[in-house]
N, C-alpha and C. Protein backbone atom coordinates (compact mmCIF):
# COMPACT_ATOMS: atom_id res chain seq x y z
N MET A 1 -25.71 -16.86 25.61
CA MET A 1 -25.35 -17.45 24.33
C MET A 1 -24.34 -18.56 24.58
N THR A 2 -24.58 -19.71 24.00
CA THR A 2 -23.69 -20.84 24.19
C THR A 2 -22.46 -20.71 23.31
N CYS A 3 -21.48 -21.49 23.64
CA CYS A 3 -20.23 -21.47 22.88
C CYS A 3 -20.47 -21.93 21.44
N SER A 4 -21.31 -22.95 21.26
CA SER A 4 -21.57 -23.43 19.90
C SER A 4 -22.34 -22.40 19.07
N SER A 5 -23.23 -21.63 19.69
CA SER A 5 -23.94 -20.56 18.97
C SER A 5 -22.97 -19.48 18.51
N LEU A 6 -22.07 -19.12 19.40
CA LEU A 6 -21.06 -18.11 19.05
C LEU A 6 -20.19 -18.61 17.91
N PHE A 7 -19.83 -19.89 17.94
CA PHE A 7 -19.01 -20.48 16.89
C PHE A 7 -19.75 -20.43 15.55
N ARG A 8 -21.04 -20.78 15.55
CA ARG A 8 -21.84 -20.74 14.32
C ARG A 8 -21.96 -19.33 13.76
N ILE A 9 -22.19 -18.37 14.62
CA ILE A 9 -22.29 -16.97 14.17
C ILE A 9 -20.97 -16.51 13.57
N THR A 10 -19.87 -16.90 14.20
CA THR A 10 -18.55 -16.54 13.67
C THR A 10 -18.33 -17.16 12.30
N LEU A 11 -18.69 -18.44 12.12
CA LEU A 11 -18.54 -19.09 10.82
C LEU A 11 -19.39 -18.42 9.75
N ILE A 12 -20.63 -18.09 10.10
CA ILE A 12 -21.51 -17.41 9.14
C ILE A 12 -20.91 -16.07 8.74
N PHE A 13 -20.42 -15.32 9.73
CA PHE A 13 -19.80 -14.03 9.43
C PHE A 13 -18.62 -14.20 8.48
N LEU A 14 -17.77 -15.20 8.74
CA LEU A 14 -16.60 -15.40 7.89
C LEU A 14 -16.98 -15.75 6.46
N PHE A 15 -17.99 -16.60 6.27
CA PHE A 15 -18.41 -16.97 4.92
C PHE A 15 -19.10 -15.82 4.20
N VAL A 16 -19.88 -15.03 4.92
CA VAL A 16 -20.56 -13.89 4.31
C VAL A 16 -19.57 -12.77 4.02
N ALA A 17 -18.62 -12.54 4.93
CA ALA A 17 -17.68 -11.43 4.77
C ALA A 17 -16.56 -11.75 3.80
N GLN A 18 -16.28 -13.02 3.53
CA GLN A 18 -15.16 -13.37 2.66
C GLN A 18 -15.21 -12.69 1.30
N PRO A 19 -16.36 -12.66 0.58
CA PRO A 19 -16.38 -11.95 -0.69
C PRO A 19 -16.08 -10.47 -0.53
N ALA A 20 -16.47 -9.87 0.58
CA ALA A 20 -16.19 -8.46 0.80
C ALA A 20 -14.68 -8.25 0.94
N PHE A 21 -13.99 -9.18 1.65
CA PHE A 21 -12.54 -9.05 1.79
C PHE A 21 -11.86 -9.18 0.43
N ALA A 22 -12.30 -10.14 -0.37
CA ALA A 22 -11.72 -10.33 -1.70
C ALA A 22 -12.01 -9.12 -2.58
N ASP A 23 -13.18 -8.55 -2.42
CA ASP A 23 -13.58 -7.40 -3.22
C ASP A 23 -12.75 -6.16 -2.92
N GLU A 24 -12.16 -6.06 -1.72
CA GLU A 24 -11.37 -4.88 -1.39
C GLU A 24 -10.15 -4.77 -2.32
N TYR A 25 -9.61 -5.88 -2.79
CA TYR A 25 -8.50 -5.82 -3.73
C TYR A 25 -8.96 -5.28 -5.07
N ALA A 26 -10.08 -5.80 -5.56
CA ALA A 26 -10.61 -5.33 -6.85
C ALA A 26 -10.96 -3.84 -6.80
N SER A 27 -11.57 -3.40 -5.70
CA SER A 27 -11.96 -1.99 -5.63
C SER A 27 -10.73 -1.08 -5.45
N THR A 28 -9.71 -1.56 -4.75
CA THR A 28 -8.48 -0.77 -4.61
C THR A 28 -7.78 -0.64 -5.96
N ILE A 29 -7.68 -1.74 -6.69
CA ILE A 29 -7.06 -1.71 -8.02
C ILE A 29 -7.86 -0.78 -8.93
N ALA A 30 -9.18 -0.86 -8.88
CA ALA A 30 -10.03 0.00 -9.71
C ALA A 30 -9.82 1.48 -9.38
N SER A 31 -9.66 1.81 -8.10
CA SER A 31 -9.45 3.22 -7.74
C SER A 31 -8.10 3.73 -8.22
N PHE A 32 -7.06 2.88 -8.19
CA PHE A 32 -5.76 3.29 -8.72
C PHE A 32 -5.81 3.40 -10.25
N ARG A 33 -6.59 2.53 -10.91
CA ARG A 33 -6.73 2.60 -12.37
C ARG A 33 -7.37 3.92 -12.81
N LYS A 34 -8.24 4.47 -11.97
CA LYS A 34 -8.91 5.74 -12.28
C LYS A 34 -8.00 6.94 -12.14
N ALA A 35 -6.95 6.82 -11.35
CA ALA A 35 -6.02 7.93 -11.11
C ALA A 35 -5.12 8.11 -12.34
N THR A 36 -5.15 9.28 -12.92
CA THR A 36 -4.37 9.52 -14.13
C THR A 36 -2.88 9.30 -13.91
N GLU A 37 -2.40 9.52 -12.69
CA GLU A 37 -0.98 9.34 -12.40
C GLU A 37 -0.53 7.90 -12.56
N ALA A 38 -1.42 6.95 -12.34
CA ALA A 38 -1.05 5.53 -12.34
C ALA A 38 -1.48 4.78 -13.59
N GLN A 39 -2.33 5.36 -14.42
CA GLN A 39 -2.90 4.64 -15.56
C GLN A 39 -1.85 4.03 -16.49
N GLY A 40 -0.84 4.78 -16.84
CA GLY A 40 0.19 4.29 -17.75
C GLY A 40 0.97 3.12 -17.18
N PHE A 41 1.08 3.06 -15.87
CA PHE A 41 1.82 1.97 -15.23
C PHE A 41 1.08 0.65 -15.38
N PHE A 42 -0.25 0.68 -15.30
CA PHE A 42 -1.02 -0.55 -15.48
C PHE A 42 -0.81 -1.14 -16.87
N GLU A 43 -0.65 -0.27 -17.86
CA GLU A 43 -0.50 -0.72 -19.25
C GLU A 43 0.86 -1.34 -19.52
N LYS A 44 1.91 -0.87 -18.83
CA LYS A 44 3.27 -1.29 -19.19
C LYS A 44 4.00 -2.10 -18.13
N ALA A 45 3.53 -2.12 -16.90
CA ALA A 45 4.24 -2.81 -15.83
C ALA A 45 4.19 -4.33 -16.00
N TYR A 46 5.23 -5.00 -15.56
CA TYR A 46 5.28 -6.46 -15.57
C TYR A 46 4.28 -7.02 -14.55
N GLY A 47 4.13 -6.33 -13.44
CA GLY A 47 3.22 -6.75 -12.38
C GLY A 47 3.13 -5.67 -11.32
N TYR A 48 2.41 -5.97 -10.25
CA TYR A 48 2.27 -5.00 -9.16
C TYR A 48 1.86 -5.70 -7.87
N ALA A 49 2.11 -5.01 -6.75
CA ALA A 49 1.64 -5.44 -5.44
C ALA A 49 0.66 -4.38 -4.96
N VAL A 50 -0.48 -4.82 -4.44
CA VAL A 50 -1.50 -3.88 -3.99
C VAL A 50 -1.84 -4.15 -2.52
N PHE A 51 -1.92 -3.07 -1.75
CA PHE A 51 -2.26 -3.12 -0.34
C PHE A 51 -3.51 -2.27 -0.14
N PRO A 52 -4.68 -2.90 0.06
CA PRO A 52 -5.92 -2.12 0.22
C PRO A 52 -5.88 -1.17 1.42
N THR A 53 -5.32 -1.62 2.54
CA THR A 53 -5.24 -0.76 3.72
C THR A 53 -3.95 -1.02 4.47
N ILE A 54 -3.20 0.05 4.69
CA ILE A 54 -2.03 0.01 5.55
C ILE A 54 -2.33 0.98 6.69
N GLY A 55 -2.28 0.49 7.91
CA GLY A 55 -2.50 1.34 9.07
C GLY A 55 -1.18 1.85 9.60
N LYS A 56 -1.15 3.14 9.94
CA LYS A 56 0.09 3.77 10.37
C LYS A 56 -0.19 4.64 11.58
N GLY A 57 0.71 4.62 12.55
CA GLY A 57 0.56 5.47 13.73
C GLY A 57 1.90 5.73 14.36
N GLY A 58 1.98 6.82 15.11
CA GLY A 58 3.24 7.10 15.76
C GLY A 58 3.19 8.23 16.75
N PHE A 59 4.08 8.15 17.71
CA PHE A 59 4.37 9.21 18.66
C PHE A 59 5.86 9.07 18.94
N VAL A 60 6.68 9.85 18.27
CA VAL A 60 8.14 9.80 18.24
C VAL A 60 8.60 8.54 17.49
N VAL A 61 8.24 7.36 17.98
CA VAL A 61 8.51 6.12 17.26
C VAL A 61 7.19 5.68 16.64
N GLY A 62 7.24 5.27 15.38
CA GLY A 62 6.00 4.89 14.72
C GLY A 62 6.15 3.60 13.95
N GLY A 63 5.02 3.15 13.47
CA GLY A 63 5.02 1.93 12.68
C GLY A 63 3.80 1.87 11.78
N ALA A 64 3.89 0.98 10.81
CA ALA A 64 2.77 0.76 9.89
C ALA A 64 2.79 -0.71 9.50
N HIS A 65 1.61 -1.22 9.15
CA HIS A 65 1.52 -2.62 8.73
C HIS A 65 0.31 -2.80 7.83
N GLY A 66 0.45 -3.67 6.84
CA GLY A 66 -0.66 -4.00 5.97
C GLY A 66 -0.41 -5.29 5.23
N LYS A 67 -1.51 -5.86 4.71
CA LYS A 67 -1.44 -7.10 3.94
C LYS A 67 -1.88 -6.81 2.52
N GLY A 68 -1.27 -7.52 1.56
CA GLY A 68 -1.61 -7.29 0.17
C GLY A 68 -1.47 -8.53 -0.68
N ARG A 69 -1.63 -8.30 -1.98
CA ARG A 69 -1.48 -9.36 -2.99
C ARG A 69 -0.55 -8.87 -4.08
N VAL A 70 0.15 -9.83 -4.68
CA VAL A 70 1.03 -9.54 -5.80
C VAL A 70 0.39 -10.11 -7.06
N TYR A 71 0.46 -9.34 -8.15
CA TYR A 71 -0.15 -9.73 -9.42
C TYR A 71 0.90 -9.67 -10.54
N SER A 72 0.74 -10.57 -11.50
CA SER A 72 1.54 -10.56 -12.71
C SER A 72 0.64 -11.05 -13.84
N GLY A 73 0.62 -10.33 -14.94
CA GLY A 73 -0.24 -10.71 -16.05
C GLY A 73 -1.72 -10.67 -15.68
N GLY A 74 -2.09 -9.85 -14.71
CA GLY A 74 -3.48 -9.72 -14.29
C GLY A 74 -3.96 -10.77 -13.31
N ALA A 75 -3.11 -11.76 -12.98
CA ALA A 75 -3.50 -12.82 -12.06
C ALA A 75 -2.72 -12.71 -10.75
N ALA A 76 -3.38 -13.01 -9.65
CA ALA A 76 -2.72 -13.00 -8.34
C ALA A 76 -1.70 -14.13 -8.29
N THR A 77 -0.48 -13.82 -7.84
CA THR A 77 0.58 -14.83 -7.75
C THR A 77 1.00 -15.11 -6.32
N GLY A 78 0.52 -14.31 -5.36
CA GLY A 78 0.88 -14.56 -3.97
C GLY A 78 0.42 -13.46 -3.04
N ARG A 79 0.74 -13.67 -1.76
CA ARG A 79 0.39 -12.71 -0.71
C ARG A 79 1.65 -12.00 -0.24
N THR A 80 1.47 -10.78 0.24
CA THR A 80 2.59 -9.98 0.72
C THR A 80 2.18 -9.20 1.96
N THR A 81 3.15 -8.85 2.77
CA THR A 81 2.91 -7.96 3.90
C THR A 81 3.93 -6.84 3.85
N VAL A 82 3.58 -5.71 4.45
CA VAL A 82 4.50 -4.59 4.58
C VAL A 82 4.53 -4.19 6.04
N THR A 83 5.73 -3.91 6.52
CA THR A 83 5.93 -3.40 7.87
C THR A 83 6.88 -2.21 7.76
N GLN A 84 6.52 -1.14 8.43
CA GLN A 84 7.35 0.07 8.39
C GLN A 84 7.64 0.51 9.81
N LEU A 85 8.87 0.87 10.08
CA LEU A 85 9.27 1.46 11.35
C LEU A 85 9.83 2.84 11.06
N SER A 86 9.52 3.80 11.93
CA SER A 86 10.01 5.17 11.72
C SER A 86 10.41 5.79 13.05
N VAL A 87 11.36 6.71 12.97
CA VAL A 87 11.84 7.43 14.14
C VAL A 87 11.94 8.90 13.77
N GLY A 88 11.50 9.78 14.66
CA GLY A 88 11.55 11.21 14.43
C GLY A 88 10.28 11.85 14.95
N PHE A 89 10.08 13.13 14.62
CA PHE A 89 8.87 13.79 15.07
C PHE A 89 7.68 13.25 14.31
N GLN A 90 6.74 12.68 15.02
CA GLN A 90 5.52 12.16 14.42
C GLN A 90 4.45 12.05 15.49
N LEU A 91 3.24 12.32 15.06
CA LEU A 91 2.12 12.28 15.99
C LEU A 91 0.85 12.03 15.20
N GLY A 92 0.12 10.97 15.56
CA GLY A 92 -1.16 10.71 14.92
C GLY A 92 -1.24 9.33 14.31
N GLY A 93 -2.23 9.19 13.44
CA GLY A 93 -2.43 7.92 12.77
C GLY A 93 -3.18 8.12 11.47
N GLU A 94 -3.00 7.22 10.54
CA GLU A 94 -3.69 7.30 9.27
C GLU A 94 -3.78 5.92 8.64
N ALA A 95 -4.66 5.81 7.68
CA ALA A 95 -4.79 4.59 6.88
C ALA A 95 -4.65 4.99 5.43
N PHE A 96 -3.94 4.17 4.65
CA PHE A 96 -3.76 4.47 3.24
C PHE A 96 -3.68 3.19 2.44
N SER A 97 -3.92 3.31 1.14
CA SER A 97 -3.75 2.21 0.19
C SER A 97 -2.43 2.44 -0.54
N GLN A 98 -1.80 1.37 -0.98
CA GLN A 98 -0.52 1.51 -1.69
C GLN A 98 -0.46 0.49 -2.81
N ILE A 99 0.15 0.91 -3.92
CA ILE A 99 0.41 -0.01 -5.02
C ILE A 99 1.86 0.18 -5.45
N ILE A 100 2.54 -0.92 -5.71
CA ILE A 100 3.93 -0.90 -6.16
C ILE A 100 3.96 -1.58 -7.52
N PHE A 101 4.38 -0.85 -8.53
CA PHE A 101 4.49 -1.40 -9.88
C PHE A 101 5.90 -1.92 -10.10
N PHE A 102 6.00 -3.08 -10.77
CA PHE A 102 7.29 -3.67 -11.12
C PHE A 102 7.51 -3.43 -12.61
N GLU A 103 8.58 -2.74 -12.93
CA GLU A 103 8.86 -2.35 -14.31
C GLU A 103 9.11 -3.55 -15.22
N ASP A 104 9.76 -4.58 -14.68
CA ASP A 104 10.13 -5.74 -15.49
C ASP A 104 10.20 -6.99 -14.62
N LYS A 105 10.51 -8.11 -15.25
CA LYS A 105 10.59 -9.39 -14.53
C LYS A 105 11.67 -9.36 -13.46
N PHE A 106 12.77 -8.68 -13.71
CA PHE A 106 13.85 -8.59 -12.73
C PHE A 106 13.34 -7.93 -11.44
N ALA A 107 12.62 -6.82 -11.54
CA ALA A 107 12.08 -6.13 -10.36
C ALA A 107 11.05 -7.00 -9.65
N TYR A 108 10.19 -7.66 -10.43
CA TYR A 108 9.18 -8.56 -9.86
C TYR A 108 9.87 -9.70 -9.10
N ASP A 109 10.87 -10.32 -9.71
CA ASP A 109 11.58 -11.44 -9.08
C ASP A 109 12.30 -10.99 -7.81
N ARG A 110 12.87 -9.79 -7.83
CA ARG A 110 13.56 -9.26 -6.66
C ARG A 110 12.58 -9.09 -5.50
N PHE A 111 11.38 -8.58 -5.79
CA PHE A 111 10.37 -8.37 -4.75
C PHE A 111 9.84 -9.70 -4.21
N THR A 112 9.59 -10.65 -5.11
CA THR A 112 8.99 -11.92 -4.71
C THR A 112 10.01 -12.96 -4.23
N ALA A 113 11.27 -12.60 -4.17
CA ALA A 113 12.30 -13.54 -3.73
C ALA A 113 12.21 -13.86 -2.23
N GLY A 114 11.44 -13.12 -1.49
CA GLY A 114 11.32 -13.39 -0.06
C GLY A 114 11.19 -12.11 0.72
N LYS A 115 12.30 -11.61 1.20
CA LYS A 115 12.27 -10.39 2.01
C LYS A 115 12.88 -9.26 1.20
N PHE A 116 12.11 -8.21 1.01
CA PHE A 116 12.55 -7.04 0.25
C PHE A 116 12.38 -5.81 1.12
N GLU A 117 13.29 -4.84 1.00
CA GLU A 117 13.20 -3.61 1.79
C GLU A 117 13.36 -2.40 0.90
N PHE A 118 12.57 -1.35 1.21
CA PHE A 118 12.79 -0.04 0.62
C PHE A 118 13.61 0.75 1.62
N SER A 119 14.62 1.43 1.15
CA SER A 119 15.43 2.25 2.04
C SER A 119 14.66 3.50 2.43
N ALA A 120 15.24 4.25 3.33
CA ALA A 120 14.62 5.50 3.78
C ALA A 120 14.54 6.52 2.66
N GLN A 121 15.25 6.32 1.57
CA GLN A 121 15.26 7.29 0.47
C GLN A 121 14.18 7.03 -0.58
N ALA A 122 13.45 5.92 -0.47
CA ALA A 122 12.42 5.60 -1.46
C ALA A 122 11.32 6.65 -1.43
N GLN A 123 10.78 6.97 -2.59
CA GLN A 123 9.73 7.97 -2.71
C GLN A 123 8.45 7.33 -3.20
N ALA A 124 7.33 7.87 -2.76
CA ALA A 124 6.02 7.43 -3.23
C ALA A 124 5.27 8.64 -3.75
N VAL A 125 4.43 8.44 -4.75
CA VAL A 125 3.59 9.50 -5.26
C VAL A 125 2.24 9.38 -4.58
N ALA A 126 1.81 10.46 -3.93
CA ALA A 126 0.51 10.46 -3.26
C ALA A 126 -0.54 10.91 -4.25
N ILE A 127 -1.60 10.15 -4.38
CA ILE A 127 -2.69 10.49 -5.28
C ILE A 127 -3.82 11.06 -4.42
N VAL A 128 -4.04 12.36 -4.53
CA VAL A 128 -5.06 13.03 -3.76
C VAL A 128 -5.84 13.92 -4.70
N ILE A 129 -7.14 13.73 -4.78
CA ILE A 129 -7.97 14.53 -5.67
C ILE A 129 -8.29 15.86 -5.00
N GLY A 130 -8.03 16.96 -5.70
CA GLY A 130 -8.36 18.29 -5.20
C GLY A 130 -7.38 18.83 -4.18
N ALA A 131 -6.25 18.18 -4.00
CA ALA A 131 -5.26 18.67 -3.05
C ALA A 131 -3.88 18.33 -3.57
N GLN A 132 -2.92 19.06 -3.08
CA GLN A 132 -1.54 18.82 -3.47
C GLN A 132 -0.89 18.06 -2.33
N ALA A 133 -0.21 16.99 -2.66
CA ALA A 133 0.46 16.23 -1.61
C ALA A 133 1.66 15.53 -2.20
N GLN A 134 2.64 15.35 -1.36
CA GLN A 134 3.81 14.58 -1.75
C GLN A 134 4.25 13.82 -0.53
N THR A 135 4.60 12.58 -0.74
CA THR A 135 4.99 11.76 0.40
C THR A 135 6.23 10.95 0.06
N GLY A 136 6.93 10.60 1.05
CA GLY A 136 8.08 9.73 0.93
C GLY A 136 8.31 9.11 2.28
N THR A 137 9.28 8.27 2.39
CA THR A 137 9.54 7.68 3.69
C THR A 137 10.31 8.65 4.57
N THR A 138 10.58 9.84 4.08
CA THR A 138 11.26 10.84 4.90
C THR A 138 10.30 11.91 5.38
N GLY A 139 9.00 11.79 5.13
CA GLY A 139 8.03 12.76 5.64
C GLY A 139 6.92 13.02 4.67
N THR A 140 5.97 13.84 5.09
CA THR A 140 4.79 14.13 4.29
C THR A 140 4.51 15.62 4.34
N SER A 141 4.02 16.16 3.21
CA SER A 141 3.57 17.55 3.20
C SER A 141 2.34 17.62 2.33
N ALA A 142 1.47 18.59 2.62
CA ALA A 142 0.24 18.73 1.84
C ALA A 142 -0.20 20.18 1.82
N GLY A 143 -1.01 20.54 0.83
CA GLY A 143 -1.53 21.89 0.74
C GLY A 143 -2.65 21.94 -0.27
N ALA A 144 -3.26 23.12 -0.41
CA ALA A 144 -4.36 23.28 -1.36
C ALA A 144 -3.83 23.33 -2.77
N GLY A 145 -4.66 22.95 -3.72
CA GLY A 145 -4.25 22.99 -5.12
C GLY A 145 -4.72 21.76 -5.84
N ASN A 146 -4.30 21.63 -7.10
CA ASN A 146 -4.67 20.46 -7.89
C ASN A 146 -3.47 20.08 -8.74
N THR A 147 -2.38 19.75 -8.09
CA THR A 147 -1.14 19.41 -8.77
C THR A 147 -1.14 17.95 -9.17
N GLN A 148 -0.68 17.67 -10.37
CA GLN A 148 -0.55 16.30 -10.85
C GLN A 148 0.90 15.85 -10.63
N PHE A 149 1.09 14.64 -10.17
CA PHE A 149 2.42 14.10 -9.97
C PHE A 149 2.63 12.95 -10.94
N LYS A 150 3.80 12.89 -11.52
CA LYS A 150 4.13 11.80 -12.42
C LYS A 150 5.05 10.84 -11.68
N GLY A 151 4.62 9.59 -11.61
CA GLY A 151 5.44 8.58 -10.96
C GLY A 151 6.58 8.17 -11.87
N VAL A 152 7.68 7.80 -11.25
CA VAL A 152 8.83 7.31 -12.01
C VAL A 152 9.33 6.03 -11.34
N TYR A 153 9.92 5.18 -12.15
CA TYR A 153 10.51 3.97 -11.61
C TYR A 153 11.83 4.32 -10.94
N GLN A 154 12.03 3.76 -9.75
CA GLN A 154 13.30 3.84 -9.05
C GLN A 154 13.72 2.41 -8.77
N ASN A 155 14.85 2.00 -9.31
CA ASN A 155 15.31 0.63 -9.17
C ASN A 155 14.26 -0.38 -9.62
N GLY A 156 13.53 -0.05 -10.68
CA GLY A 156 12.57 -0.97 -11.26
C GLY A 156 11.19 -0.97 -10.61
N MET A 157 10.97 -0.07 -9.64
CA MET A 157 9.68 -0.04 -8.96
C MET A 157 9.16 1.40 -8.85
N ALA A 158 7.83 1.54 -8.95
CA ALA A 158 7.17 2.84 -8.77
C ALA A 158 6.07 2.64 -7.73
N VAL A 159 6.00 3.55 -6.77
CA VAL A 159 5.07 3.41 -5.65
C VAL A 159 4.07 4.56 -5.66
N PHE A 160 2.78 4.21 -5.47
CA PHE A 160 1.71 5.19 -5.37
C PHE A 160 0.93 4.92 -4.09
N THR A 161 0.49 5.98 -3.42
CA THR A 161 -0.33 5.83 -2.23
C THR A 161 -1.57 6.70 -2.34
N LYS A 162 -2.64 6.27 -1.67
CA LYS A 162 -3.88 7.04 -1.55
C LYS A 162 -4.27 7.05 -0.08
N VAL A 163 -4.36 8.24 0.49
CA VAL A 163 -4.76 8.35 1.89
C VAL A 163 -6.24 8.02 2.01
N LYS A 164 -6.58 7.18 2.97
CA LYS A 164 -7.97 6.78 3.20
C LYS A 164 -8.59 7.58 4.35
N GLY A 165 -7.77 7.99 5.31
CA GLY A 165 -8.28 8.75 6.45
C GLY A 165 -7.26 8.87 7.54
N GLY A 166 -7.52 9.79 8.46
CA GLY A 166 -6.63 10.00 9.60
C GLY A 166 -5.86 11.29 9.45
N LEU A 167 -5.04 11.56 10.42
CA LEU A 167 -4.22 12.76 10.44
C LEU A 167 -2.88 12.41 11.05
N MET A 168 -1.82 12.71 10.32
CA MET A 168 -0.48 12.35 10.78
C MET A 168 0.45 13.52 10.51
N TYR A 169 1.11 14.00 11.55
CA TYR A 169 2.18 14.99 11.43
C TYR A 169 3.48 14.22 11.51
N GLU A 170 4.36 14.45 10.53
CA GLU A 170 5.53 13.60 10.50
C GLU A 170 6.72 14.29 9.87
N ALA A 171 7.85 14.17 10.53
CA ALA A 171 9.16 14.52 9.98
C ALA A 171 10.09 13.44 10.52
N SER A 172 10.14 12.32 9.83
CA SER A 172 10.84 11.17 10.37
C SER A 172 11.60 10.43 9.27
N VAL A 173 12.39 9.49 9.69
CA VAL A 173 13.11 8.61 8.77
C VAL A 173 12.51 7.22 8.96
N ALA A 174 12.20 6.57 7.84
CA ALA A 174 11.55 5.26 7.92
C ALA A 174 12.02 4.37 6.79
N GLY A 175 11.80 3.11 6.95
CA GLY A 175 12.05 2.13 5.91
C GLY A 175 10.93 1.12 5.89
N GLN A 176 10.64 0.54 4.74
CA GLN A 176 9.59 -0.46 4.62
C GLN A 176 10.19 -1.81 4.31
N LYS A 177 9.66 -2.86 4.94
CA LYS A 177 10.11 -4.22 4.71
C LYS A 177 8.90 -5.03 4.23
N PHE A 178 9.10 -5.83 3.20
CA PHE A 178 8.03 -6.62 2.60
C PHE A 178 8.36 -8.10 2.68
N THR A 179 7.33 -8.91 2.82
CA THR A 179 7.48 -10.36 2.71
C THR A 179 6.59 -10.84 1.57
N PHE A 180 6.86 -12.02 1.04
CA PHE A 180 6.06 -12.59 -0.05
C PHE A 180 5.87 -14.07 0.19
N GLU A 181 4.66 -14.54 -0.04
CA GLU A 181 4.29 -15.95 0.03
C GLU A 181 3.59 -16.34 -1.24
N PRO A 182 4.14 -17.22 -2.06
CA PRO A 182 3.47 -17.61 -3.30
C PRO A 182 2.13 -18.31 -3.01
N GLY A 183 1.25 -18.22 -3.99
CA GLY A 183 0.00 -18.95 -3.84
C GLY A 183 -1.22 -18.18 -4.08
């Protein structure tokens, strides 16, 4: 295969796959809209940041990274990334989706001002159908059951996650750092 053939195949793949990449945001938002825990937030939040896939892995020291979009008034206002570092007992890897709701313009502006960080004390509500789970940046636990969790705003933001796959044992301390690029 010549270099120009490989280049053409790559271009075709990028043009064909581009709608699929864009569609991952719409399908992630739709799945969070279906979760009863998050429905009220869509109705009242000033805006939100959505991350279709965040990959996470660790062995004593761990990390996670994902790319997302920020929305206000139903329209995309920019791109965002999340990076997480953690230290403590951890083993494995997982992928999850995350959405962060902004209660008001002040919270939205704080997030989109450039570099924003969640401390190790920030909590997220895990949305898992048919199982009980609770997650935070200080660890994860899960068990059988069908418990509903109600999200609450902390410092103007509410965070929800949905596990997509993988297995992670964790008792660690972590923090998340976000970046924002308008456009």
